[in-house]
Every structure is written in structure tokens, then in C-alpha cells.
C-alpha atoms as a PDB file:
ATOM      1  CA  MET A   1       0.000   0.000   0.000  1.00  0.00           C
ATOM      2  CA  ASP A   2       1.477   3.334  -1.080  1.00  0.00           C
ATOM      3  CA  PHE A   3       1.385   6.440   1.056  1.00  0.00           C
ATOM      4  CA  GLU A   4      -1.125   8.976  -0.207  1.00  0.00           C
ATOM      5  CA  PRO A   5      -0.442  12.565   0.841  1.00  0.00           C
ATOM      6  CA  ARG A   6      -3.263  14.018   2.899  1.00  0.00           C
ATOM      7  CA  THR A   7      -3.948  16.961   5.149  1.00  0.00           C
ATOM      8  CA  ILE A   8      -4.444  16.422   8.881  1.00  0.00           C
ATOM      9  CA  VAL A   9      -7.533  18.428   9.874  1.00  0.00           C
ATOM     10  CA  ASN A  10      -9.937  19.043  12.711  1.00  0.00           C
ATOM     11  CA  GLY A  11     -13.668  19.566  12.248  1.00  0.00           C
ATOM     12  CA  ALA A  12     -13.529  23.302  11.581  1.00  0.00           C
ATOM     13  CA  GLN A  13     -10.782  22.911   8.964  1.00  0.00           C
ATOM     14  CA  LEU A  14     -12.599  20.130   7.073  1.00  0.00           C
ATOM     15  CA  LYS A  15     -14.758  22.576   5.074  1.00  0.00           C
ATOM     16  CA  HIS A  16     -11.617  24.198   3.609  1.00  0.00           C
ATOM     17  CA  HIS A  17     -10.617  20.939   1.844  1.00  0.00           C
ATOM     18  CA  PRO A  18     -13.627  19.755  -0.221  1.00  0.00           C
ATOM     19  CA  GLY A  19     -12.678  16.938  -2.588  1.00  0.00           C
ATOM     20  CA  LYS A  20      -9.187  16.648  -1.103  1.00  0.00           C
ATOM     21  CA  ALA A  21      -7.560  13.812   0.832  1.00  0.00           C
ATOM     22  CA  VAL A  22      -7.751  14.356   4.590  1.00  0.00           C
ATOM     23  CA  SER A  23      -7.102  12.598   7.852  1.00  0.00           C
ATOM     24  CA  ILE A  24      -9.384  13.416  10.788  1.00  0.00           C
ATOM     25  CA  HIS A  25      -9.621  11.918  14.276  1.00  0.00           C
ATOM     26  CA  LEU A  26     -13.146  11.334  15.568  1.00  0.00           C
ATOM     27  CA  PHE A  27     -14.752   9.993  18.723  1.00  0.00           C
ATOM     28  CA  VAL A  28     -17.450   7.631  17.452  1.00  0.00           C
ATOM     29  CA  ASP A  29     -20.910   8.646  18.669  1.00  0.00           C
ATOM     30  CA  ARG A  30     -23.209   6.359  16.699  1.00  0.00           C
ATOM     31  CA  ALA A  31     -23.335   4.147  13.614  1.00  0.00           C
ATOM     32  CA  GLU A  32     -26.291   3.869  11.263  1.00  0.00           C
ATOM     33  CA  THR A  33     -28.115   0.535  11.323  1.00  0.00           C
ATOM     34  CA  ASP A  34     -27.123  -0.294   7.735  1.00  0.00           C
ATOM     35  CA  GLY A  35     -23.428   0.017   8.702  1.00  0.00           C
ATOM     36  CA  ARG A  36     -22.653   2.381   5.801  1.00  0.00           C
ATOM     37  CA  SER A  37     -22.108   5.539   7.855  1.00  0.00           C
ATOM     38  CA  PHE A  38     -21.376   6.780  11.327  1.00  0.00           C
ATOM     39  CA  THR A  39     -21.163  10.060  13.181  1.00  0.00           C
ATOM     40  CA  GLY A  40     -18.195  11.140  15.246  1.00  0.00           C
ATOM     41  CA  ARG A  41     -17.088  14.157  17.259  1.00  0.00           C
ATOM     42  CA  SER A  42     -13.854  15.790  16.068  1.00  0.00           C
ATOM     43  CA  SER A  43     -11.033  16.895  18.365  1.00  0.00           C
ATOM     44  CA  ASP A  44     -12.537  20.417  18.340  1.00  0.00           C
ATOM     45  CA  GLY A  45     -16.018  19.129  19.207  1.00  0.00           C
ATOM     46  CA  LEU A  46     -17.825  19.252  15.838  1.00  0.00           C
ATOM     47  CA  ASN A  47     -20.090  16.432  14.637  1.00  0.00           C
ATOM     48  CA  ILE A  48     -18.777  14.856  11.430  1.00  0.00           C
ATOM     49  CA  GLN A  49     -20.646  12.364   9.237  1.00  0.00           C
ATOM     50  CA  VAL A  50     -18.522   9.550   7.774  1.00  0.00           C
ATOM     51  CA  VAL A  51     -19.824   7.790   4.658  1.00  0.00           C
ATOM     52  CA  LEU A  52     -18.354   4.338   4.000  1.00  0.00           C
ATOM     53  CA  SER A  53     -18.003   2.545   0.677  1.00  0.00           C
ATOM     54  CA  GLN A  54     -18.453  -0.833   2.409  1.00  0.00           C
ATOM     55  CA  PRO A  55     -20.551  -1.596   5.494  1.00  0.00           C
ATOM     56  CA  LEU A  56     -18.760  -1.802   8.830  1.00  0.00           C
ATOM     57  CA  SER A  57     -17.676  -5.314   9.721  1.00  0.00           C
ATOM     58  CA  GLU A  58     -17.205  -4.506  13.393  1.00  0.00           C
ATOM     59  CA  LEU A  59     -18.644  -2.166  15.980  1.00  0.00           C
ATOM     60  CA  LEU A  60     -16.622   1.045  16.224  1.00  0.00           C
ATOM     61  CA  HIS A  61     -16.130   2.833  19.527  1.00  0.00           C
ATOM     62  CA  GLY A  62     -13.780   5.390  21.022  1.00  0.00           C
ATOM     63  CA  TRP A  63     -11.305   7.371  18.931  1.00  0.00           C
ATOM     64  CA  VAL A  64     -10.638   6.447  15.301  1.00  0.00           C
ATOM     65  CA  GLU A  65      -8.673   8.030  12.483  1.00  0.00           C
ATOM     66  CA  VAL A  66     -10.638   8.414   9.265  1.00  0.00           C
ATOM     67  CA  ILE A  67      -8.684   8.785   6.013  1.00  0.00           C
ATOM     68  CA  GLY A  68     -10.669   9.812   2.986  1.00  0.00           C
ATOM     69  CA  MET A  69     -12.003  12.657   0.874  1.00  0.00           C
ATOM     70  CA  ALA A  70     -13.505  15.732   2.497  1.00  0.00           C
ATOM     71  CA  GLY A  71     -17.084  16.194   1.400  1.00  0.00           C
ATOM     72  CA  SER A  72     -19.495  19.012   1.894  1.00  0.00           C
ATOM     73  CA  ASN A  73     -21.557  19.711   4.996  1.00  0.00           C
ATOM     74  CA  GLU A  74     -19.029  18.386   7.516  1.00  0.00           C
ATOM     75  CA  SER A  75     -18.662  14.940   5.988  1.00  0.00           C
ATOM     76  CA  VAL A  76     -15.898  12.585   4.884  1.00  0.00           C
ATOM     77  CA  ARG A  77     -16.064   9.843   2.257  1.00  0.00           C
ATOM     78  CA  CYS A  78     -14.029   7.192   4.037  1.00  0.00           C
ATOM     79  CA  LYS A  79     -11.259   5.235   2.370  1.00  0.00           C
ATOM     80  CA  GLU A  80      -9.672   3.770   5.507  1.00  0.00           C
ATOM     81  CA  ILE A  81     -10.395   3.630   9.247  1.00  0.00           C
ATOM     82  CA  ILE A  82      -7.668   3.203  11.832  1.00  0.00           C
ATOM     83  CA  THR A  83      -8.885   2.099  15.253  1.00  0.00           C
ATOM     84  CA  TYR A  84      -7.015   2.582  18.505  1.00  0.00           C
ATOM     85  CA  LYS A  85      -6.991   0.298  21.486  1.00  0.00           C
ATOM     86  CA  GLU A  86      -7.249   2.665  24.418  1.00  0.00           C
ATOM     87  CA  THR A  87      -6.408   2.200  28.028  1.00  0.00           C
ATOM     88  CA  GLU A  88      -6.703   4.809  30.744  1.00  0.00           C
ATOM     89  CA  GLU A  89      -2.961   5.485  30.547  1.00  0.00           C
ATOM     90  CA  SER A  90      -2.996   5.969  26.760  1.00  0.00           C
ATOM     91  CA  ALA A  91      -6.151   8.062  26.385  1.00  0.00           C
ATOM     92  CA  PHE A  92      -6.279  10.165  23.218  1.00  0.00           C
ATOM     93  CA  ASP A  93      -5.242  13.797  23.805  1.00  0.00           C
ATOM     94  CA  ALA A  94      -7.957  15.645  21.853  1.00  0.00           C
ATOM     95  CA  PHE A  95      -6.728  19.070  22.994  1.00  0.00           C
ATOM     96  CA  GLY A  96      -3.165  18.284  21.883  1.00  0.00           C
ATOM     97  CA  HIS A  97      -4.356  16.891  18.547  1.00  0.00           C
ATOM     98  CA  ASP A  98      -6.480  19.985  17.933  1.00  0.00           C
ATOM     99  CA  ALA A  99      -3.411  22.146  18.650  1.00  0.00           C
ATOM    100  CA  LEU A 100      -1.422  20.052  16.132  1.00  0.00           C
ATOM    101  CA  CYS A 101      -4.102  20.629  13.466  1.00  0.00           C
ATOM    102  CA  THR A 102      -3.986  24.382  14.082  1.00  0.00           C
ATOM    103  CA  PHE A 103      -0.184  24.395  13.969  1.00  0.00           C
ATOM    104  CA  LEU A 104      -0.063  22.442  10.703  1.00  0.00           C
ATOM    105  CA  ALA A 105      -2.722  24.677   9.106  1.00  0.00           C
ATOM    106  CA  ASN A 106      -0.616  27.755   9.884  1.00  0.00           C
ATOM    107  CA  CYS A 107       2.775  26.346   8.854  1.00  0.00           C
ATOM    108  CA  LYS A 108       2.604  25.698   5.130  1.00  0.00           C
ATOM    109  CA  ASP A 109       5.165  23.286   3.672  1.00  0.00           C
ATOM    110  CA  ILE A 110       6.450  22.335   7.126  1.00  0.00           C
ATOM    111  CA  PHE A 111       7.800  19.028   5.800  1.00  0.00           C
ATOM    112  CA  GLN A 112       9.402  20.446   2.662  1.00  0.00           C
ATOM    113  CA  MET A 113      13.139  19.797   2.562  1.00  0.00           C
ATOM    114  CA  SER A 114      15.430  22.415   1.021  1.00  0.00           C
END
């Protein structure tokens, strides 16, 4: 599997990337009964709808990373879901991740080598 460049975003930044590859971390709130979509809360507290190409094969819970294409109306067309096994000691730092998203949005070409 090849690496596909994508932008790491929070909920508020998602609308600035329609049709572009993004990565967003969400806390899963609920999944639709048909298993083709779910709703999650972003690190900055916005509700994001995730549309899947294939139905979920397992119940999602907790924090997940969704990689896909930013849609309109606070949605993502999912290409890949990364789940995290959380323990109390390794809880996801939503505040820190939101700060990372803000930092990356304000530092263009941070990874460019010269």
C-alpha cells in the first residue's frame, strides 16, 4: 500500500478541503443501522458524518482516524479507518491533537526539505 499525501484536519478545517484527501480523528458517537455511515465528534467538538463505501464489519467505539475525501456539509467519504486500542494510561489527547491541526494549518510546507 502506497502512502497517499493528505492533510491532517480538525472539524472546523474540514470545510476548507472539499474533494481533497484528509485525515481526521473522531470519537465515534453512533453508527447507522445499515453500517454504511457513522457520526463522530472531532477533536474540536464538531459532529462529522462519515460515509463508507463498504458496510462496517465490526462495531466502532472510542477514537478512530478516518482517512478519505472531504465532502461538503461536515462529511468525509471514508477510504480507511484506523482504530485505537485505548487504556486509561494511553487516552487520546484531543486538545493536543487539535493544537497540532492548528499548527499544521498555519505552517505551510512544514515538511518540505530544502
